[in-house]
Amino acid sequence: MPVIPRSSYYDKHYKQSAALIRARRPYLIKNAATGLGLFGFCIGVYWFTIRAVSQDDFEDVKVPDAPVQSPQPGASTIARSAAMK
């Protein structure tokens, strides 16, 4: 029982037949041009975005001070008691 249903455009090894190649030939150039156009558009949007973000120096963003960490339970206090002596 075949997993993929049979089509008249493919042979028994699921290779393209001559009829399928002939049927797709008129669309080959159009599809390639469309694909290149989409690829160029995506690369253009990516380039523009990276360039726009890299110009920002983020000086207007306030960075908070580092939070003061309290000693965690079970932490060693030997260093603290030695420093107090």
PDB file of N, CA and C in Angstrom:
ATOM      1  N   MET A   1       0.844  -1.183   0.000  1.00  0.00           N
ATOM      2  CA  MET A   1       0.000   0.000   0.000  1.00  0.00           C
ATOM      3  C   MET A   1       0.886   1.241   0.000  1.00  0.00           C
ATOM      4  N   PRO A   2       0.774   2.105  -1.009  1.00  0.00           N
ATOM      5  CA  PRO A   2       1.625   3.291  -1.076  1.00  0.00           C
ATOM      6  C   PRO A   2       1.214   4.325  -0.021  1.00  0.00           C
ATOM      7  N   VAL A   3       2.227   4.997   0.521  1.00  0.00           N
ATOM      8  CA  VAL A   3       1.988   6.021   1.522  1.00  0.00           C
ATOM      9  C   VAL A   3       1.497   7.302   0.860  1.00  0.00           C
ATOM     10  N   ILE A   4       2.105   7.648  -0.264  1.00  0.00           N
ATOM     11  CA  ILE A   4       1.714   8.838  -1.009  1.00  0.00           C
ATOM     12  C   ILE A   4       0.795   8.399  -2.143  1.00  0.00           C
ATOM     13  N   PRO A   5      -0.340   9.067  -2.305  1.00  0.00           N
ATOM     14  CA  PRO A   5      -1.240   8.654  -3.402  1.00  0.00           C
ATOM     15  C   PRO A   5      -0.573   8.836  -4.765  1.00  0.00           C
ATOM     16  N   ARG A   6      -0.904   7.947  -5.675  1.00  0.00           N
ATOM     17  CA  ARG A   6      -0.321   7.991  -7.019  1.00  0.00           C
ATOM     18  C   ARG A   6      -0.822   9.199  -7.792  1.00  0.00           C
ATOM     19  N   SER A   7       0.045   9.768  -8.589  1.00  0.00           N
ATOM     20  CA  SER A   7      -0.307  10.876  -9.456  1.00  0.00           C
ATOM     21  C   SER A   7       0.246  10.573 -10.838  1.00  0.00           C
ATOM     22  N   SER A   8      -0.389  11.120 -11.857  1.00  0.00           N
ATOM     23  CA  SER A   8       0.072  10.851 -13.217  1.00  0.00           C
ATOM     24  C   SER A   8       1.356  11.609 -13.527  1.00  0.00           C
ATOM     25  N   TYR A   9       1.729  12.563 -12.678  1.00  0.00           N
ATOM     26  CA  TYR A   9       2.943  13.342 -12.916  1.00  0.00           C
ATOM     27  C   TYR A   9       4.188  12.708 -12.308  1.00  0.00           C
ATOM     28  N   TYR A  10       4.048  11.630 -11.561  1.00  0.00           N
ATOM     29  CA  TYR A  10       5.194  10.967 -10.932  1.00  0.00           C
ATOM     30  C   TYR A  10       5.206   9.498 -11.323  1.00  0.00           C
ATOM     31  N   ASP A  11       6.412   8.937 -11.470  1.00  0.00           N
ATOM     32  CA  ASP A  11       6.507   7.525 -11.800  1.00  0.00           C
ATOM     33  C   ASP A  11       6.440   6.689 -10.523  1.00  0.00           C
ATOM     34  N   LYS A  12       6.718   5.390 -10.635  1.00  0.00           N
ATOM     35  CA  LYS A  12       6.575   4.515  -9.468  1.00  0.00           C
ATOM     36  C   LYS A  12       7.631   4.787  -8.395  1.00  0.00           C
ATOM     37  N   HIS A  13       8.701   5.490  -8.738  1.00  0.00           N
ATOM     38  CA  HIS A  13       9.728   5.857  -7.754  1.00  0.00           C
ATOM     39  C   HIS A  13       9.556   7.301  -7.283  1.00  0.00           C
ATOM     40  N   TYR A  14       8.412   7.892  -7.594  1.00  0.00           N
ATOM     41  CA  TYR A  14       8.056   9.271  -7.216  1.00  0.00           C
ATOM     42  C   TYR A  14       9.026  10.307  -7.775  1.00  0.00           C
ATOM     43  N   LYS A  15       9.548  10.048  -8.953  1.00  0.00           N
ATOM     44  CA  LYS A  15      10.361  11.033  -9.673  1.00  0.00           C
ATOM     45  C   LYS A  15       9.450  11.796 -10.621  1.00  0.00           C
ATOM     46  N   GLN A  16       9.845  13.032 -10.942  1.00  0.00           N
ATOM     47  CA  GLN A  16       9.036  13.842 -11.844  1.00  0.00           C
ATOM     48  C   GLN A  16       9.039  13.226 -13.241  1.00  0.00           C
ATOM     49  N   SER A  17       7.876  13.212 -13.850  1.00  0.00           N
ATOM     50  CA  SER A  17       7.791  12.706 -15.220  1.00  0.00           C
ATOM     51  C   SER A  17       8.083  13.842 -16.191  1.00  0.00           C
ATOM     52  N   ALA A  18       8.241  13.490 -17.432  1.00  0.00           N
ATOM     53  CA  ALA A  18       8.494  14.491 -18.469  1.00  0.00           C
ATOM     54  C   ALA A  18       7.309  15.443 -18.592  1.00  0.00           C
ATOM     55  N   ALA A  19       6.094  14.940 -18.365  1.00  0.00           N
ATOM     56  CA  ALA A  19       4.905  15.792 -18.455  1.00  0.00           C
ATOM     57  C   ALA A  19       4.918  16.867 -17.361  1.00  0.00           C
ATOM     58  N   LEU A  20       5.338  16.504 -16.160  1.00  0.00           N
ATOM     59  CA  LEU A  20       5.397  17.484 -15.071  1.00  0.00           C
ATOM     60  C   LEU A  20       6.468  18.533 -15.343  1.00  0.00           C
ATOM     61  N   ILE A  21       7.591  18.112 -15.860  1.00  0.00           N
ATOM     62  CA  ILE A  21       8.659  19.055 -16.179  1.00  0.00           C
ATOM     63  C   ILE A  21       8.190  20.025 -17.258  1.00  0.00           C
ATOM     64  N   ARG A  22       7.491  19.507 -18.271  1.00  0.00           N
ATOM     65  CA  ARG A  22       6.947  20.380 -19.327  1.00  0.00           C
ATOM     66  C   ARG A  22       5.887  21.324 -18.775  1.00  0.00           C
ATOM     67  N   ALA A  23       5.054  20.863 -17.835  1.00  0.00           N
ATOM     68  CA  ALA A  23       3.986  21.700 -17.282  1.00  0.00           C
ATOM     69  C   ALA A  23       4.545  22.805 -16.392  1.00  0.00           C
ATOM     70  N   ARG A  24       5.669  22.561 -15.740  1.00  0.00           N
ATOM     71  CA  ARG A  24       6.261  23.553 -14.837  1.00  0.00           C
ATOM     72  C   ARG A  24       7.192  24.531 -15.551  1.00  0.00           C
ATOM     73  N   ARG A  25       7.639  24.212 -16.742  1.00  0.00           N
ATOM     74  CA  ARG A  25       8.620  25.037 -17.455  1.00  0.00           C
ATOM     75  C   ARG A  25       8.189  26.494 -17.643  1.00  0.00           C
ATOM     76  N   PRO A  26       6.936  26.821 -18.014  1.00  0.00           N
ATOM     77  CA  PRO A  26       6.571  28.235 -18.206  1.00  0.00           C
ATOM     78  C   PRO A  26       6.644  29.063 -16.921  1.00  0.00           C
ATOM     79  N   TYR A  27       6.540  28.432 -15.776  1.00  0.00           N
ATOM     80  CA  TYR A  27       6.516  29.149 -14.502  1.00  0.00           C
ATOM     81  C   TYR A  27       7.876  29.221 -13.828  1.00  0.00           C
ATOM     82  N   LEU A  28       8.880  28.590 -14.387  1.00  0.00           N
ATOM     83  CA  LEU A  28      10.191  28.516 -13.746  1.00  0.00           C
ATOM     84  C   LEU A  28      10.814  29.901 -13.573  1.00  0.00           C
ATOM     85  N   ILE A  29      10.839  30.712 -14.608  1.00  0.00           N
ATOM     86  CA  ILE A  29      11.450  32.041 -14.544  1.00  0.00           C
ATOM     87  C   ILE A  29      10.634  32.954 -13.634  1.00  0.00           C
ATOM     88  N   LYS A  30       9.306  32.897 -13.742  1.00  0.00           N
ATOM     89  CA  LYS A  30       8.456  33.743 -12.904  1.00  0.00           C
ATOM     90  C   LYS A  30       8.627  33.395 -11.423  1.00  0.00           C
ATOM     91  N   ASN A  31       8.652  32.119 -11.125  1.00  0.00           N
ATOM     92  CA  ASN A  31       8.806  31.697  -9.730  1.00  0.00           C
ATOM     93  C   ASN A  31      10.191  32.061  -9.195  1.00  0.00           C
ATOM     94  N   ALA A  32      11.223  31.927 -10.012  1.00  0.00           N
ATOM     95  CA  ALA A  32      12.570  32.289  -9.579  1.00  0.00           C
ATOM     96  C   ALA A  32      12.662  33.795  -9.335  1.00  0.00           C
ATOM     97  N   ALA A  33      12.062  34.597 -10.220  1.00  0.00           N
ATOM     98  CA  ALA A  33      12.080  36.057 -10.035  1.00  0.00           C
ATOM     99  C   ALA A  33      11.309  36.460  -8.787  1.00  0.00           C
ATOM    100  N   THR A  34      10.179  35.820  -8.536  1.00  0.00           N
ATOM    101  CA  THR A  34       9.395  36.099  -7.325  1.00  0.00           C
ATOM    102  C   THR A  34      10.177  35.719  -6.078  1.00  0.00           C
ATOM    103  N   GLY A  35      10.827  34.567  -6.106  1.00  0.00           N
ATOM    104  CA  GLY A  35      11.636  34.133  -4.970  1.00  0.00           C
ATOM    105  C   GLY A  35      12.797  35.074  -4.699  1.00  0.00           C
ATOM    106  N   LEU A  36      13.470  35.511  -5.756  1.00  0.00           N
ATOM    107  CA  LEU A  36      14.574  36.461  -5.575  1.00  0.00           C
ATOM    108  C   LEU A  36      14.066  37.808  -5.056  1.00  0.00           C
ATOM    109  N   GLY A  37      12.900  38.226  -5.523  1.00  0.00           N
ATOM    110  CA  GLY A  37      12.307  39.473  -5.031  1.00  0.00           C
ATOM    111  C   GLY A  37      11.970  39.394  -3.544  1.00  0.00           C
ATOM    112  N   LEU A  38      11.362  38.295  -3.133  1.00  0.00           N
ATOM    113  CA  LEU A  38      11.043  38.110  -1.713  1.00  0.00           C
ATOM    114  C   LEU A  38      12.303  38.034  -0.864  1.00  0.00           C
ATOM    115  N   PHE A  39      13.296  37.320  -1.352  1.00  0.00           N
ATOM    116  CA  PHE A  39      14.563  37.207  -0.626  1.00  0.00           C
ATOM    117  C   PHE A  39      15.218  38.580  -0.476  1.00  0.00           C
ATOM    118  N   GLY A  40      15.241  39.363  -1.558  1.00  0.00           N
ATOM    119  CA  GLY A  40      15.817  40.698  -1.506  1.00  0.00           C
ATOM    120  C   GLY A  40      15.063  41.607  -0.549  1.00  0.00           C
ATOM    121  N   PHE A  41      13.736  41.516  -0.534  1.00  0.00           N
ATOM    122  CA  PHE A  41      12.936  42.310   0.388  1.00  0.00           C
ATOM    123  C   PHE A  41      13.243  41.942   1.837  1.00  0.00           C
ATOM    124  N   CYS A  42      13.325  40.658   2.133  1.00  0.00           N
ATOM    125  CA  CYS A  42      13.619  40.212   3.508  1.00  0.00           C
ATOM    126  C   CYS A  42      15.004  40.670   3.948  1.00  0.00           C
ATOM    127  N   ILE A  43      15.982  40.550   3.083  1.00  0.00           N
ATOM    128  CA  ILE A  43      17.333  41.005   3.420  1.00  0.00           C
ATOM    129  C   ILE A  43      17.339  42.517   3.623  1.00  0.00           C
ATOM    130  N   GLY A  44      16.593  43.258   2.819  1.00  0.00           N
ATOM    131  CA  GLY A  44      16.503  44.705   2.962  1.00  0.00           C
ATOM    132  C   GLY A  44      15.887  45.114   4.295  1.00  0.00           C
ATOM    133  N   VAL A  45      14.807  44.443   4.690  1.00  0.00           N
ATOM    134  CA  VAL A  45      14.176  44.742   5.972  1.00  0.00           C
ATOM    135  C   VAL A  45      15.128  44.408   7.116  1.00  0.00           C
ATOM    136  N   TYR A  46      15.811  43.290   7.033  1.00  0.00           N
ATOM    137  CA  TYR A  46      16.778  42.893   8.076  1.00  0.00           C
ATOM    138  C   TYR A  46      17.902  43.927   8.163  1.00  0.00           C
ATOM    139  N   TRP A  47      18.462  44.327   7.033  1.00  0.00           N
ATOM    140  CA  TRP A  47      19.563  45.295   7.009  1.00  0.00           C
ATOM    141  C   TRP A  47      19.113  46.633   7.592  1.00  0.00           C
ATOM    142  N   PHE A  48      17.924  47.096   7.187  1.00  0.00           N
ATOM    143  CA  PHE A  48      17.408  48.362   7.693  1.00  0.00           C
ATOM    144  C   PHE A  48      17.212  48.306   9.210  1.00  0.00           C
ATOM    145  N   THR A  49      16.664  47.197   9.705  1.00  0.00           N
ATOM    146  CA  THR A  49      16.411  47.060  11.137  1.00  0.00           C
ATOM    147  C   THR A  49      17.706  47.059  11.928  1.00  0.00           C
ATOM    148  N   ILE A  50      18.690  46.292  11.496  1.00  0.00           N
ATOM    149  CA  ILE A  50      19.974  46.235  12.197  1.00  0.00           C
ATOM    150  C   ILE A  50      20.644  47.602  12.167  1.00  0.00           C
ATOM    151  N   ARG A  51      20.582  48.272  11.045  1.00  0.00           N
ATOM    152  CA  ARG A  51      21.212  49.596  10.938  1.00  0.00           C
ATOM    153  C   ARG A  51      20.503  50.623  11.822  1.00  0.00           C
ATOM    154  N   ALA A  52      19.175  50.578  11.884  1.00  0.00           N
ATOM    155  CA  ALA A  52      18.417  51.520  12.706  1.00  0.00           C
ATOM    156  C   ALA A  52      18.677  51.286  14.194  1.00  0.00           C
ATOM    157  N   VAL A  53      18.773  50.043  14.609  1.00  0.00           N
ATOM    158  CA  VAL A  53      19.000  49.739  16.018  1.00  0.00           C
ATOM    159  C   VAL A  53      20.438  50.061  16.415  1.00  0.00           C
ATOM    160  N   SER A  54      21.378  49.861  15.532  1.00  0.00           N
ATOM    161  CA  SER A  54      22.778  50.103  15.879  1.00  0.00           C
ATOM    162  C   SER A  54      23.073  51.587  16.034  1.00  0.00           C
ATOM    163  N   GLN A  55      22.230  52.474  15.509  1.00  0.00           N
ATOM    164  CA  GLN A  55      22.449  53.906  15.644  1.00  0.00           C
ATOM    165  C   GLN A  55      22.048  54.419  17.025  1.00  0.00           C
ATOM    166  N   ASP A  56      21.230  53.672  17.739  1.00  0.00           N
ATOM    167  CA  ASP A  56      20.773  54.114  19.050  1.00  0.00           C
ATOM    168  C   ASP A  56      21.840  53.795  20.086  1.00  0.00           C
ATOM    169  N   ASP A  57      22.184  54.799  20.927  1.00  0.00           N
ATOM    170  CA  ASP A  57      23.209  54.573  21.941  1.00  0.00           C
ATOM    171  C   ASP A  57      22.605  54.348  23.322  1.00  0.00           C
ATOM    172  N   PHE A  58      21.286  54.395  23.452  1.00  0.00           N
ATOM    173  CA  PHE A  58      20.566  54.092  24.684  1.00  0.00           C
ATOM    174  C   PHE A  58      20.993  54.980  25.856  1.00  0.00           C
ATOM    175  N   GLU A  59      21.372  56.234  25.602  1.00  0.00           N
ATOM    176  CA  GLU A  59      21.724  57.148  26.684  1.00  0.00           C
ATOM    177  C   GLU A  59      20.498  57.553  27.491  1.00  0.00           C
ATOM    178  N   ASP A  60      19.325  57.530  26.895  1.00  0.00           N
ATOM    179  CA  ASP A  60      18.121  57.950  27.586  1.00  0.00           C
ATOM    180  C   ASP A  60      17.543  56.870  28.503  1.00  0.00           C
ATOM    181  N   VAL A  61      18.112  55.676  28.493  1.00  0.00           N
ATOM    182  CA  VAL A  61      17.626  54.584  29.327  1.00  0.00           C
ATOM    183  C   VAL A  61      18.365  54.618  30.655  1.00  0.00           C
ATOM    184  N   LYS A  62      17.600  54.713  31.749  1.00  0.00           N
ATOM    185  CA  LYS A  62      18.205  54.749  33.075  1.00  0.00           C
ATOM    186  C   LYS A  62      18.463  53.314  33.523  1.00  0.00           C
ATOM    187  N   VAL A  63      19.698  53.048  33.889  1.00  0.00           N
ATOM    188  CA  VAL A  63      20.071  51.722  34.369  1.00  0.00           C
ATOM    189  C   VAL A  63      20.026  51.759  35.890  1.00  0.00           C
ATOM    190  N   PRO A  64      19.242  50.885  36.521  1.00  0.00           N
ATOM    191  CA  PRO A  64      19.154  50.896  37.978  1.00  0.00           C
ATOM    192  C   PRO A  64      20.460  50.419  38.617  1.00  0.00           C
ATOM    193  N   ASP A  65      20.683  50.887  39.858  1.00  0.00           N
ATOM    194  CA  ASP A  65      21.861  50.444  40.599  1.00  0.00           C
ATOM    195  C   ASP A  65      21.727  48.963  40.918  1.00  0.00           C
ATOM    196  N   ALA A  66      22.865  48.339  41.179  1.00  0.00           N
ATOM    197  CA  ALA A  66      22.850  46.919  41.514  1.00  0.00           C
ATOM    198  C   ALA A  66      22.164  46.729  42.858  1.00  0.00           C
ATOM    199  N   PRO A  67      21.276  45.766  42.988  1.00  0.00           N
ATOM    200  CA  PRO A  67      20.576  45.556  44.252  1.00  0.00           C
ATOM    201  C   PRO A  67      21.542  45.043  45.333  1.00  0.00           C
ATOM    202  N   VAL A  68      21.303  45.462  46.564  1.00  0.00           N
ATOM    203  CA  VAL A  68      22.110  45.001  47.691  1.00  0.00           C
ATOM    204  C   VAL A  68      21.636  43.612  48.045  1.00  0.00           C
ATOM    205  N   GLN A  69      22.565  42.676  48.091  1.00  0.00           N
ATOM    206  CA  GLN A  69      22.201  41.296  48.372  1.00  0.00           C
ATOM    207  C   GLN A  69      22.370  41.013  49.854  1.00  0.00           C
ATOM    208  N   SER A  70      21.339  40.480  50.446  1.00  0.00           N
ATOM    209  CA  SER A  70      21.429  40.077  51.853  1.00  0.00           C
ATOM    210  C   SER A  70      22.081  38.696  51.908  1.00  0.00           C
ATOM    211  N   PRO A  71      22.738  38.386  53.012  1.00  0.00           N
ATOM    212  CA  PRO A  71      23.374  37.063  53.098  1.00  0.00           C
ATOM    213  C   PRO A  71      22.327  35.960  53.020  1.00  0.00           C
ATOM    214  N   GLN A  72      22.675  34.944  52.312  1.00  0.00           N
ATOM    215  CA  GLN A  72      21.754  33.838  52.129  1.00  0.00           C
ATOM    216  C   GLN A  72      21.866  32.887  53.312  1.00  0.00           C
ATOM    217  N   PRO A  73      20.778  32.206  53.645  1.00  0.00           N
ATOM    218  CA  PRO A  73      20.839  31.258  54.753  1.00  0.00           C
ATOM    219  C   PRO A  73      21.861  30.160  54.461  1.00  0.00           C
ATOM    220  N   GLY A  74      22.652  29.861  55.471  1.00  0.00           N
ATOM    221  CA  GLY A  74      23.669  28.827  55.328  1.00  0.00           C
ATOM    222  C   GLY A  74      24.978  29.355  54.793  1.00  0.00           C
ATOM    223  N   ALA A  75      25.065  30.662  54.521  1.00  0.00           N
ATOM    224  CA  ALA A  75      26.308  31.234  54.005  1.00  0.00           C
ATOM    225  C   ALA A  75      27.326  31.314  55.135  1.00  0.00           C
ATOM    226  N   SER A  76      28.571  31.198  54.803  1.00  0.00           N
ATOM    227  CA  SER A  76      29.637  31.223  55.794  1.00  0.00           C
ATOM    228  C   SER A  76      29.850  32.638  56.309  1.00  0.00           C
ATOM    229  N   THR A  77      30.020  32.775  57.639  1.00  0.00           N
ATOM    230  CA  THR A  77      30.269  34.074  58.252  1.00  0.00           C
ATOM    231  C   THR A  77      31.680  34.157  58.797  1.00  0.00           C
ATOM    232  N   ILE A  78      32.532  33.208  58.445  1.00  0.00           N
ATOM    233  CA  ILE A  78      33.904  33.187  58.951  1.00  0.00           C
ATOM    234  C   ILE A  78      34.666  34.405  58.456  1.00  0.00           C
ATOM    235  N   ALA A  79      34.507  34.764  57.208  1.00  0.00           N
ATOM    236  CA  ALA A  79      35.234  35.904  56.644  1.00  0.00           C
ATOM    237  C   ALA A  79      34.792  37.197  57.332  1.00  0.00           C
ATOM    238  N   ARG A  80      33.518  37.314  57.680  1.00  0.00           N
ATOM    239  CA  ARG A  80      33.022  38.508  58.325  1.00  0.00           C
ATOM    240  C   ARG A  80      33.538  38.627  59.764  1.00  0.00           C
ATOM    241  N   SER A  81      33.551  37.518  60.489  1.00  0.00           N
ATOM    242  CA  SER A  81      33.987  37.571  61.889  1.00  0.00           C
ATOM    243  C   SER A  81      35.486  37.776  61.954  1.00  0.00           C
ATOM    244  N   ALA A  82      36.264  37.296  60.992  1.00  0.00           N
ATOM    245  CA  ALA A  82      37.696  37.498  60.978  1.00  0.00           C
ATOM    246  C   ALA A  82      38.015  38.953  60.644  1.00  0.00           C
ATOM    247  N   ALA A  83      37.187  39.583  59.812  1.00  0.00           N
ATOM    248  CA  ALA A  83      37.416  40.976  59.457  1.00  0.00           C
ATOM    249  C   ALA A  83      37.090  41.914  60.611  1.00  0.00           C
ATOM    250  N   MET A  84      36.194  41.502  61.507  1.00  0.00           N
ATOM    251  CA  MET A  84      35.802  42.337  62.636  1.00  0.00           C
ATOM    252  C   MET A  84      36.850  42.351  63.746  1.00  0.00           C
ATOM    253  N   LYS A  85      37.679  41.356  63.806  1.00  0.00           N
ATOM    254  CA  LYS A  85      38.658  41.260  64.880  1.00  0.00           C
ATOM    255  C   LYS A  85      39.773  42.202  64.728  1.00  0.00           C
TER     256      LYS A  85
END
